[in-house]
Amino acid sequence: MQLSIVIPTRNRATKLERTLQSLLAQTVPLQDFEVVVVDNDSSDDTSELLRRFGASFPNWKCLKQTRPGAAAARNSGIESCKSQILLFLDDDVIAEPDLVQQHLNSHLLHPGSAVLGYVRNGWSENDSAFHWIISHKELIHSFQFPDSLNVPFQHLYSCNASAPRGALLKAGLFDERFVGAAFEDTDLGYRLTRSGCRLVFNPRAAVLHDPILSLKSFTQKRLDAGSALHQLLSKHPQLEETLLPSTWRRILRCSLGWIASPLTFTFEGRVPFAPVLLPLLGKACGYHFEYLFWTGYYRAARLENRTTETAVCRPAS
């Protein structure tokens, strides 16, 4: 086998089915790659779905994982894979038919490197203004890389990325203390590049990303992401200069986000002439979600300070 695909999943049977169907349609023969699905304690129809698909793939493995978080699930998958090249996908993506081949091509051209694929957002102008805006403003993924052969570590995202098994083991795998779905891949990207692994971008290695997102769920994701950034910088304080904007920039953008908050009531519905209104709504949306992000960051900082003070002040037993 040339490559192993690791997919963590939890309670997304319908989405996962589309992901697996797209892998059955790869241009690379099925016997040339392995599919490892790690079920993170699902309570829906995931088990039955995996049982059905198990007969379709020549190289198939289904693992149960009770430790919380995508990081723990991916680590279980890494440890059980047989190939030397590992491709990480999320359970809500649809792979282009040549996805596996494109990742393999990149590893042949750039041995020892990690490969970042392209992620298309699965929304159209018929969706809500919220979906339309974040799709066009690239609030989820950014692909503005001046040098596709030296992508900065902070752009590693694990919904469509591959890496040599040896590089992952050398870097130390995913840090399972990141129990959510934010910055655990940034942390790994930093450790990969620090250990000498280059990150390259192949825009032809593409997936369609169709997450289940509402304004409410994305709001929580931004708060969680801010908290995770604080966790990352507590682990790697040397990254503050790289990842933290200046204090005044944070204050300014948070203030603009707070001012723009009343506009969020328009985001859930369709907005006529969305392309015309994009400059206004896009700015407002971006500022609002940046405000939420830094709210999550400072909440985590205050919680850490209170925890530290409690530990220091607690009398000895």
Foldseek 3Di string as FASTA:
>chain_A
DAEEEEEEDAQPQVQLLLQLVLVLLAPPDLVNYAYEYEYQPHDDCNVVSLVVCVVVGPHYHYHYHPQFAPQRRVVVVLVPDDHQKYWFAYSRKRWDRHLVVLLSVVCVVPPQAKEAEAEQEDDDLQAFQQSVLCRVVVVPADDPAPAQFARQLQRFARNTMMGGSVLCVQLPGFDCVLRYRECSSSLSSVSSVVVPHGYGYDHVSYIYGYDDDAPVVVLVVLLSRLLVVLVSCVVVVVCCVVPPDDPVVLVVLLVLLVVLVVVCVRRRHNDPPSVVCSVVVSSNVVSVSSNSNNVSNVVNVVVVVVVVVCVVPDDDD
